[in-house]
Amino acid sequence: MPTYSYQCKECGEAFDAVQSFSDDPLTVCPNCGGPLRKLFNSVGVVFKGSGFYRTDSRSSKADTTAKSETKSSSDTAAKVDKATSS
């Protein structure tokens, strides 16, 4: 279950609450009874290495695919020429 951070608008008390996705957000401070606001933090996911962006490894794969297609089509053409000339 996710952990949400809240802070009271009146007393400034900050705390975390473990709640289900379907639970309603907290609205009342347990300290002073004042209104709460939900705090938003950065997500704890870090993508390391290559391959996470659209431009990563695209050109090299496209180049190798194009080269292999060219090579296979030239091999096929050579085989067809040999077969028809015999």
PDB file of N, CA and C in Angstrom:
ATOM      1  N   MET A   1       0.840  -1.184   0.000  1.00  0.00           N
ATOM      2  CA  MET A   1       0.000   0.000   0.000  1.00  0.00           C
ATOM      3  C   MET A   1       0.880   1.239   0.000  1.00  0.00           C
ATOM      4  N   PRO A   2       0.440   2.263  -0.697  1.00  0.00           N
ATOM      5  CA  PRO A   2       1.251   3.483  -0.795  1.00  0.00           C
ATOM      6  C   PRO A   2       1.270   4.294   0.496  1.00  0.00           C
ATOM      7  N   THR A   3       2.335   5.055   0.630  1.00  0.00           N
ATOM      8  CA  THR A   3       2.483   5.967   1.763  1.00  0.00           C
ATOM      9  C   THR A   3       2.305   7.390   1.260  1.00  0.00           C
ATOM     10  N   TYR A   4       1.385   8.116   1.887  1.00  0.00           N
ATOM     11  CA  TYR A   4       1.111   9.505   1.505  1.00  0.00           C
ATOM     12  C   TYR A   4       1.627  10.440   2.596  1.00  0.00           C
ATOM     13  N   SER A   5       2.129  11.591   2.178  1.00  0.00           N
ATOM     14  CA  SER A   5       2.617  12.604   3.118  1.00  0.00           C
ATOM     15  C   SER A   5       1.603  13.727   3.210  1.00  0.00           C
ATOM     16  N   TYR A   6       1.339  14.161   4.429  1.00  0.00           N
ATOM     17  CA  TYR A   6       0.404  15.257   4.685  1.00  0.00           C
ATOM     18  C   TYR A   6       1.080  16.307   5.545  1.00  0.00           C
ATOM     19  N   GLN A   7       0.584  17.554   5.437  1.00  0.00           N
ATOM     20  CA  GLN A   7       1.054  18.639   6.293  1.00  0.00           C
ATOM     21  C   GLN A   7      -0.143  19.500   6.658  1.00  0.00           C
ATOM     22  N   CYS A   8      -0.197  19.863   7.930  1.00  0.00           N
ATOM     23  CA  CYS A   8      -1.285  20.717   8.414  1.00  0.00           C
ATOM     24  C   CYS A   8      -1.054  22.149   7.953  1.00  0.00           C
ATOM     25  N   LYS A   9      -2.119  22.806   7.509  1.00  0.00           N
ATOM     26  CA  LYS A   9      -2.015  24.199   7.056  1.00  0.00           C
ATOM     27  C   LYS A   9      -1.927  25.170   8.226  1.00  0.00           C
ATOM     28  N   GLU A  10      -2.382  24.761   9.415  1.00  0.00           N
ATOM     29  CA  GLU A  10      -2.377  25.660  10.568  1.00  0.00           C
ATOM     30  C   GLU A  10      -1.142  25.494  11.439  1.00  0.00           C
ATOM     31  N   CYS A  11      -0.862  24.272  11.898  1.00  0.00           N
ATOM     32  CA  CYS A  11       0.252  24.086  12.836  1.00  0.00           C
ATOM     33  C   CYS A  11       1.545  23.648  12.145  1.00  0.00           C
ATOM     34  N   GLY A  12       1.470  23.263  10.878  1.00  0.00           N
ATOM     35  CA  GLY A  12       2.664  22.870  10.139  1.00  0.00           C
ATOM     36  C   GLY A  12       3.135  21.455  10.405  1.00  0.00           C
ATOM     37  N   GLU A  13       2.396  20.683  11.202  1.00  0.00           N
ATOM     38  CA  GLU A  13       2.748  19.293  11.503  1.00  0.00           C
ATOM     39  C   GLU A  13       2.741  18.468  10.217  1.00  0.00           C
ATOM     40  N   ALA A  14       3.831  17.746   9.982  1.00  0.00           N
ATOM     41  CA  ALA A  14       3.934  16.890   8.797  1.00  0.00           C
ATOM     42  C   ALA A  14       4.027  15.438   9.242  1.00  0.00           C
ATOM     43  N   PHE A  15       3.337  14.562   8.524  1.00  0.00           N
ATOM     44  CA  PHE A  15       3.370  13.140   8.854  1.00  0.00           C
ATOM     45  C   PHE A  15       3.044  12.320   7.614  1.00  0.00           C
ATOM     46  N   ASP A  16       3.334  11.023   7.714  1.00  0.00           N
ATOM     47  CA  ASP A  16       3.053  10.085   6.634  1.00  0.00           C
ATOM     48  C   ASP A  16       1.932   9.153   7.063  1.00  0.00           C
ATOM     49  N   ALA A  17       1.114   8.757   6.103  1.00  0.00           N
ATOM     50  CA  ALA A  17       0.030   7.821   6.375  1.00  0.00           C
ATOM     51  C   ALA A  17       0.023   6.745   5.294  1.00  0.00           C
ATOM     52  N   VAL A  18      -0.072   5.488   5.717  1.00  0.00           N
ATOM     53  CA  VAL A  18      -0.168   4.367   4.779  1.00  0.00           C
ATOM     54  C   VAL A  18      -1.652   4.148   4.506  1.00  0.00           C
ATOM     55  N   GLN A  19      -2.039   4.339   3.241  1.00  0.00           N
ATOM     56  CA  GLN A  19      -3.443   4.228   2.864  1.00  0.00           C
ATOM     57  C   GLN A  19      -3.579   3.415   1.590  1.00  0.00           C
ATOM     58  N   SER A  20      -4.723   2.811   1.427  1.00  0.00           N
ATOM     59  CA  SER A  20      -5.042   2.092   0.207  1.00  0.00           C
ATOM     60  C   SER A  20      -5.396   3.106  -0.878  1.00  0.00           C
ATOM     61  N   PHE A  21      -5.335   2.679  -2.126  1.00  0.00           N
ATOM     62  CA  PHE A  21      -5.707   3.566  -3.227  1.00  0.00           C
ATOM     63  C   PHE A  21      -7.173   3.980  -3.123  1.00  0.00           C
ATOM     64  N   SER A  22      -7.992   3.105  -2.590  1.00  0.00           N
ATOM     65  CA  SER A  22      -9.428   3.385  -2.523  1.00  0.00           C
ATOM     66  C   SER A  22      -9.822   4.217  -1.296  1.00  0.00           C
ATOM     67  N   ASP A  23      -8.917   4.406  -0.332  1.00  0.00           N
ATOM     68  CA  ASP A  23      -9.215   5.220   0.850  1.00  0.00           C
ATOM     69  C   ASP A  23      -9.324   6.691   0.482  1.00  0.00           C
ATOM     70  N   ASP A  24     -10.221   7.397   1.193  1.00  0.00           N
ATOM     71  CA  ASP A  24     -10.337   8.841   1.005  1.00  0.00           C
ATOM     72  C   ASP A  24      -9.127   9.532   1.636  1.00  0.00           C
ATOM     73  N   PRO A  25      -8.671  10.651   1.049  1.00  0.00           N
ATOM     74  CA  PRO A  25      -7.534  11.360   1.641  1.00  0.00           C
ATOM     75  C   PRO A  25      -7.902  11.951   3.001  1.00  0.00           C
ATOM     76  N   LEU A  26      -6.896  12.083   3.861  1.00  0.00           N
ATOM     77  CA  LEU A  26      -7.125  12.679   5.174  1.00  0.00           C
ATOM     78  C   LEU A  26      -7.347  14.179   5.015  1.00  0.00           C
ATOM     79  N   THR A  27      -8.236  14.741   5.844  1.00  0.00           N
ATOM     80  CA  THR A  27      -8.555  16.166   5.721  1.00  0.00           C
ATOM     81  C   THR A  27      -8.375  16.938   7.027  1.00  0.00           C
ATOM     82  N   VAL A  28      -8.282  16.220   8.159  1.00  0.00           N
ATOM     83  CA  VAL A  28      -8.208  16.879   9.468  1.00  0.00           C
ATOM     84  C   VAL A  28      -6.914  16.478  10.174  1.00  0.00           C
ATOM     85  N   CYS A  29      -6.209  17.473  10.696  1.00  0.00           N
ATOM     86  CA  CYS A  29      -4.946  17.243  11.417  1.00  0.00           C
ATOM     87  C   CYS A  29      -5.232  16.541  12.745  1.00  0.00           C
ATOM     88  N   PRO A  30      -4.489  15.454  13.024  1.00  0.00           N
ATOM     89  CA  PRO A  30      -4.716  14.764  14.300  1.00  0.00           C
ATOM     90  C   PRO A  30      -4.203  15.566  15.502  1.00  0.00           C
ATOM     91  N   ASN A  31      -3.315  16.551  15.275  1.00  0.00           N
ATOM     92  CA  ASN A  31      -2.767  17.382  16.360  1.00  0.00           C
ATOM     93  C   ASN A  31      -3.711  18.494  16.778  1.00  0.00           C
ATOM     94  N   CYS A  32      -4.070  19.337  15.793  1.00  0.00           N
ATOM     95  CA  CYS A  32      -4.830  20.542  16.137  1.00  0.00           C
ATOM     96  C   CYS A  32      -6.231  20.581  15.527  1.00  0.00           C
ATOM     97  N   GLY A  33      -6.556  19.655  14.647  1.00  0.00           N
ATOM     98  CA  GLY A  33      -7.881  19.653  14.015  1.00  0.00           C
ATOM     99  C   GLY A  33      -7.967  20.565  12.804  1.00  0.00           C
ATOM    100  N   GLY A  34      -6.847  21.148  12.384  1.00  0.00           N
ATOM    101  CA  GLY A  34      -6.835  22.037  11.221  1.00  0.00           C
ATOM    102  C   GLY A  34      -6.866  21.263   9.909  1.00  0.00           C
ATOM    103  N   PRO A  35      -7.000  21.984   8.813  1.00  0.00           N
ATOM    104  CA  PRO A  35      -7.066  21.331   7.501  1.00  0.00           C
ATOM    105  C   PRO A  35      -5.682  20.819   7.060  1.00  0.00           C
ATOM    106  N   LEU A  36      -5.681  19.700   6.352  1.00  0.00           N
ATOM    107  CA  LEU A  36      -4.446  19.094   5.850  1.00  0.00           C
ATOM    108  C   LEU A  36      -4.311  19.325   4.354  1.00  0.00           C
ATOM    109  N   ARG A  37      -3.086  19.310   3.906  1.00  0.00           N
ATOM    110  CA  ARG A  37      -2.819  19.280   2.469  1.00  0.00           C
ATOM    111  C   ARG A  37      -1.882  18.121   2.191  1.00  0.00           C
ATOM    112  N   LYS A  38      -2.100  17.495   1.037  1.00  0.00           N
ATOM    113  CA  LYS A  38      -1.270  16.352   0.654  1.00  0.00           C
ATOM    114  C   LYS A  38       0.010  16.876   0.035  1.00  0.00           C
ATOM    115  N   LEU A  39       1.145  16.319   0.454  1.00  0.00           N
ATOM    116  CA  LEU A  39       2.448  16.692  -0.098  1.00  0.00           C
ATOM    117  C   LEU A  39       2.819  15.705  -1.195  1.00  0.00           C
ATOM    118  N   PHE A  40       3.418  16.208  -2.235  1.00  0.00           N
ATOM    119  CA  PHE A  40       3.844  15.355  -3.337  1.00  0.00           C
ATOM    120  C   PHE A  40       5.362  15.316  -3.378  1.00  0.00           C
ATOM    121  N   ASN A  41       5.910  14.109  -3.396  1.00  0.00           N
ATOM    122  CA  ASN A  41       7.352  13.904  -3.400  1.00  0.00           C
ATOM    123  C   ASN A  41       7.784  13.316  -4.733  1.00  0.00           C
ATOM    124  N   SER A  42       9.080  13.320  -4.953  1.00  0.00           N
ATOM    125  CA  SER A  42       9.595  12.701  -6.169  1.00  0.00           C
ATOM    126  C   SER A  42       9.447  11.184  -6.066  1.00  0.00           C
ATOM    127  N   VAL A  43       9.307  10.565  -7.202  1.00  0.00           N
ATOM    128  CA  VAL A  43       9.126   9.121  -7.251  1.00  0.00           C
ATOM    129  C   VAL A  43      10.476   8.437  -7.083  1.00  0.00           C
ATOM    130  N   GLY A  44      10.513   7.334  -6.379  1.00  0.00           N
ATOM    131  CA  GLY A  44      11.760   6.633  -6.097  1.00  0.00           C
ATOM    132  C   GLY A  44      12.170   5.649  -7.174  1.00  0.00           C
ATOM    133  N   VAL A  45      12.004   6.009  -8.432  1.00  0.00           N
ATOM    134  CA  VAL A  45      12.404   5.134  -9.530  1.00  0.00           C
ATOM    135  C   VAL A  45      13.525   5.811 -10.300  1.00  0.00           C
ATOM    136  N   VAL A  46      14.610   5.098 -10.509  1.00  0.00           N
ATOM    137  CA  VAL A  46      15.741   5.646 -11.241  1.00  0.00           C
ATOM    138  C   VAL A  46      16.052   4.700 -12.395  1.00  0.00           C
ATOM    139  N   PHE A  47      16.058   5.227 -13.607  1.00  0.00           N
ATOM    140  CA  PHE A  47      16.392   4.439 -14.783  1.00  0.00           C
ATOM    141  C   PHE A  47      17.862   4.666 -15.099  1.00  0.00           C
ATOM    142  N   LYS A  48      18.646   3.597 -15.038  1.00  0.00           N
ATOM    143  CA  LYS A  48      20.073   3.703 -15.322  1.00  0.00           C
ATOM    144  C   LYS A  48      20.395   2.877 -16.553  1.00  0.00           C
ATOM    145  N   GLY A  49      21.408   3.299 -17.257  1.00  0.00           N
ATOM    146  CA  GLY A  49      21.845   2.549 -18.431  1.00  0.00           C
ATOM    147  C   GLY A  49      21.223   3.089 -19.698  1.00  0.00           C
ATOM    148  N   SER A  50      21.542   2.448 -20.790  1.00  0.00           N
ATOM    149  CA  SER A  50      21.016   2.916 -22.066  1.00  0.00           C
ATOM    150  C   SER A  50      19.747   2.148 -22.407  1.00  0.00           C
ATOM    151  N   GLY A  51      19.029   2.660 -23.381  1.00  0.00           N
ATOM    152  CA  GLY A  51      17.833   1.983 -23.850  1.00  0.00           C
ATOM    153  C   GLY A  51      16.537   2.511 -23.273  1.00  0.00           C
ATOM    154  N   PHE A  52      16.579   3.590 -22.511  1.00  0.00           N
ATOM    155  CA  PHE A  52      15.363   4.118 -21.917  1.00  0.00           C
ATOM    156  C   PHE A  52      14.811   5.328 -22.662  1.00  0.00           C
ATOM    157  N   TYR A  53      15.534   5.802 -23.643  1.00  0.00           N
ATOM    158  CA  TYR A  53      15.075   6.938 -24.423  1.00  0.00           C
ATOM    159  C   TYR A  53      14.848   6.504 -25.857  1.00  0.00           C
ATOM    160  N   ARG A  54      14.013   7.214 -26.552  1.00  0.00           N
ATOM    161  CA  ARG A  54      13.682   6.881 -27.931  1.00  0.00           C
ATOM    162  C   ARG A  54      14.913   6.878 -28.822  1.00  0.00           C
ATOM    163  N   THR A  55      15.862   7.744 -28.538  1.00  0.00           N
ATOM    164  CA  THR A  55      17.048   7.860 -29.393  1.00  0.00           C
ATOM    165  C   THR A  55      18.146   6.875 -29.028  1.00  0.00           C
ATOM    166  N   ASP A  56      18.048   6.220 -27.861  1.00  0.00           N
ATOM    167  CA  ASP A  56      19.084   5.270 -27.449  1.00  0.00           C
ATOM    168  C   ASP A  56      19.024   4.006 -28.289  1.00  0.00           C
ATOM    169  N   SER A  57      20.144   3.626 -28.835  1.00  0.00           N
ATOM    170  CA  SER A  57      20.323   2.369 -29.561  1.00  0.00           C
ATOM    171  C   SER A  57      19.428   2.232 -30.786  1.00  0.00           C
ATOM    172  N   ARG A  58      18.757   3.273 -31.190  1.00  0.00           N
ATOM    173  CA  ARG A  58      17.897   3.197 -32.360  1.00  0.00           C
ATOM    174  C   ARG A  58      18.713   3.137 -33.634  1.00  0.00           C
ATOM    175  N   SER A  59      19.627   4.069 -33.783  1.00  0.00           N
ATOM    176  CA  SER A  59      20.350   4.161 -35.046  1.00  0.00           C
ATOM    177  C   SER A  59      21.222   2.934 -35.277  1.00  0.00           C
ATOM    178  N   SER A  60      21.845   2.409 -34.236  1.00  0.00           N
ATOM    179  CA  SER A  60      22.721   1.260 -34.430  1.00  0.00           C
ATOM    180  C   SER A  60      21.913   0.022 -34.805  1.00  0.00           C
ATOM    181  N   LYS A  61      20.747  -0.161 -34.218  1.00  0.00           N
ATOM    182  CA  LYS A  61      19.904  -1.300 -34.576  1.00  0.00           C
ATOM    183  C   LYS A  61      19.371  -1.143 -35.990  1.00  0.00           C
ATOM    184  N   ALA A  62      18.961   0.063 -36.330  1.00  0.00           N
ATOM    185  CA  ALA A  62      18.434   0.312 -37.668  1.00  0.00           C
ATOM    186  C   ALA A  62      19.526   0.082 -38.711  1.00  0.00           C
ATOM    187  N   ASP A  63      20.756   0.507 -38.384  1.00  0.00           N
ATOM    188  CA  ASP A  63      21.868   0.301 -39.319  1.00  0.00           C
ATOM    189  C   ASP A  63      22.167  -1.182 -39.496  1.00  0.00           C
ATOM    190  N   THR A  64      22.202  -1.927 -38.414  1.00  0.00           N
ATOM    191  CA  THR A  64      22.509  -3.359 -38.524  1.00  0.00           C
ATOM    192  C   THR A  64      21.383  -4.101 -39.223  1.00  0.00           C
ATOM    193  N   THR A  65      20.134  -3.679 -38.997  1.00  0.00           N
ATOM    194  CA  THR A  65      19.003  -4.314 -39.672  1.00  0.00           C
ATOM    195  C   THR A  65      19.069  -4.043 -41.163  1.00  0.00           C
ATOM    196  N   ALA A  66      19.361  -2.801 -41.523  1.00  0.00           N
ATOM    197  CA  ALA A  66      19.459  -2.449 -42.937  1.00  0.00           C
ATOM    198  C   ALA A  66      20.602  -3.199 -43.600  1.00  0.00           C
ATOM    199  N   LYS A  67      21.739  -3.325 -42.903  1.00  0.00           N
ATOM    200  CA  LYS A  67      22.882  -4.039 -43.456  1.00  0.00           C
ATOM    201  C   LYS A  67      22.565  -5.521 -43.639  1.00  0.00           C
ATOM    202  N   SER A  68      21.902  -6.124 -42.663  1.00  0.00           N
ATOM    203  CA  SER A  68      21.585  -7.549 -42.776  1.00  0.00           C
ATOM    204  C   SER A  68      20.559  -7.784 -43.874  1.00  0.00           C
ATOM    205  N   GLU A  69      19.602  -6.855 -44.054  1.00  0.00           N
ATOM    206  CA  GLU A  69      18.631  -7.000 -45.133  1.00  0.00           C
ATOM    207  C   GLU A  69      19.315  -6.885 -46.485  1.00  0.00           C
ATOM    208  N   THR A  70      20.244  -5.953 -46.620  1.00  0.00           N
ATOM    209  CA  THR A  70      20.974  -5.769 -47.866  1.00  0.00           C
ATOM    210  C   THR A  70      21.809  -7.007 -48.167  1.00  0.00           C
ATOM    211  N   LYS A  71      22.469  -7.532 -47.141  1.00  0.00           N
ATOM    212  CA  LYS A  71      23.309  -8.708 -47.323  1.00  0.00           C
ATOM    213  C   LYS A  71      22.458  -9.917 -47.709  1.00  0.00           C
ATOM    214  N   SER A  72      21.332 -10.113 -47.036  1.00  0.00           N
ATOM    215  CA  SER A  72      20.503 -11.279 -47.329  1.00  0.00           C
ATOM    216  C   SER A  72      19.872 -11.170 -48.708  1.00  0.00           C
ATOM    217  N   SER A  73      19.499  -9.980 -49.134  1.00  0.00           N
ATOM    218  CA  SER A  73      18.916  -9.832 -50.467  1.00  0.00           C
ATOM    219  C   SER A  73      19.977 -10.027 -51.543  1.00  0.00           C
ATOM    220  N   SER A  74      21.218  -9.614 -51.293  1.00  0.00           N
ATOM    221  CA  SER A  74      22.285  -9.828 -52.276  1.00  0.00           C
ATOM    222  C   SER A  74      22.647 -11.309 -52.337  1.00  0.00           C
ATOM    223  N   ASP A  75      22.611 -12.007 -51.183  1.00  0.00           N
ATOM    224  CA  ASP A  75      22.864 -13.450 -51.164  1.00  0.00           C
ATOM    225  C   ASP A  75      21.779 -14.189 -51.939  1.00  0.00           C
ATOM    226  N   THR A  76      20.543 -13.770 -51.758  1.00  0.00           N
ATOM    227  CA  THR A  76      19.431 -14.403 -52.462  1.00  0.00           C
ATOM    228  C   THR A  76      19.548 -14.166 -53.957  1.00  0.00           C
ATOM    229  N   ALA A  77      19.908 -12.956 -54.353  1.00  0.00           N
ATOM    230  CA  ALA A  77      20.068 -12.640 -55.772  1.00  0.00           C
ATOM    231  C   ALA A  77      21.185 -13.471 -56.382  1.00  0.00           C
ATOM    232  N   ALA A  78      22.281 -13.676 -55.646  1.00  0.00           N
ATOM    233  CA  ALA A  78      23.396 -14.478 -56.153  1.00  0.00           C
ATOM    234  C   ALA A  78      22.971 -15.929 -56.337  1.00  0.00           C
ATOM    235  N   LYS A  79      22.166 -16.447 -55.391  1.00  0.00           N
ATOM    236  CA  LYS A  79      21.691 -17.816 -55.497  1.00  0.00           C
ATOM    237  C   LYS A  79      20.760 -17.986 -56.691  1.00  0.00           C
ATOM    238  N   VAL A  80      19.914 -16.978 -56.921  1.00  0.00           N
ATOM    239  CA  VAL A  80      18.989 -17.033 -58.054  1.00  0.00           C
ATOM    240  C   VAL A  80      19.776 -16.984 -59.369  1.00  0.00           C
ATOM    241  N   ASP A  81      20.805 -16.152 -59.437  1.00  0.00           N
ATOM    242  CA  ASP A  81      21.632 -16.074 -60.647  1.00  0.00           C
ATOM    243  C   ASP A  81      22.319 -17.401 -60.922  1.00  0.00           C
ATOM    244  N   LYS A  82      22.850 -18.048 -59.895  1.00  0.00           N
ATOM    245  CA  LYS A  82      23.507 -19.333 -60.070  1.00  0.00           C
ATOM    246  C   LYS A  82      22.530 -20.389 -60.542  1.00  0.00           C
ATOM    247  N   ALA A  83      21.333 -20.375 -59.981  1.00  0.00           N
ATOM    248  CA  ALA A  83      20.333 -21.381 -60.328  1.00  0.00           C
ATOM    249  C   ALA A  83      19.845 -21.213 -61.768  1.00  0.00           C
ATOM    250  N   THR A  84      19.684 -19.974 -62.200  1.00  0.00           N
ATOM    251  CA  THR A  84      19.169 -19.729 -63.552  1.00  0.00           C
ATOM    252  C   THR A  84      20.262 -19.918 -64.607  1.00  0.00           C
ATOM    253  N   SER A  85      21.513 -19.715 -64.246  1.00  0.00           N
ATOM    254  CA  SER A  85      22.592 -19.854 -65.220  1.00  0.00           C
ATOM    255  C   SER A  85      22.980 -21.313 -65.432  1.00  0.00           C
ATOM    256  N   SER A  86      22.632 -22.196 -64.548  1.00  0.00           N
ATOM    257  CA  SER A  86      23.007 -23.612 -64.679  1.00  0.00           C
ATOM    258  C   SER A  86      22.137 -24.354 -65.656  1.00  0.00           C
TER     259      SER A  86
END
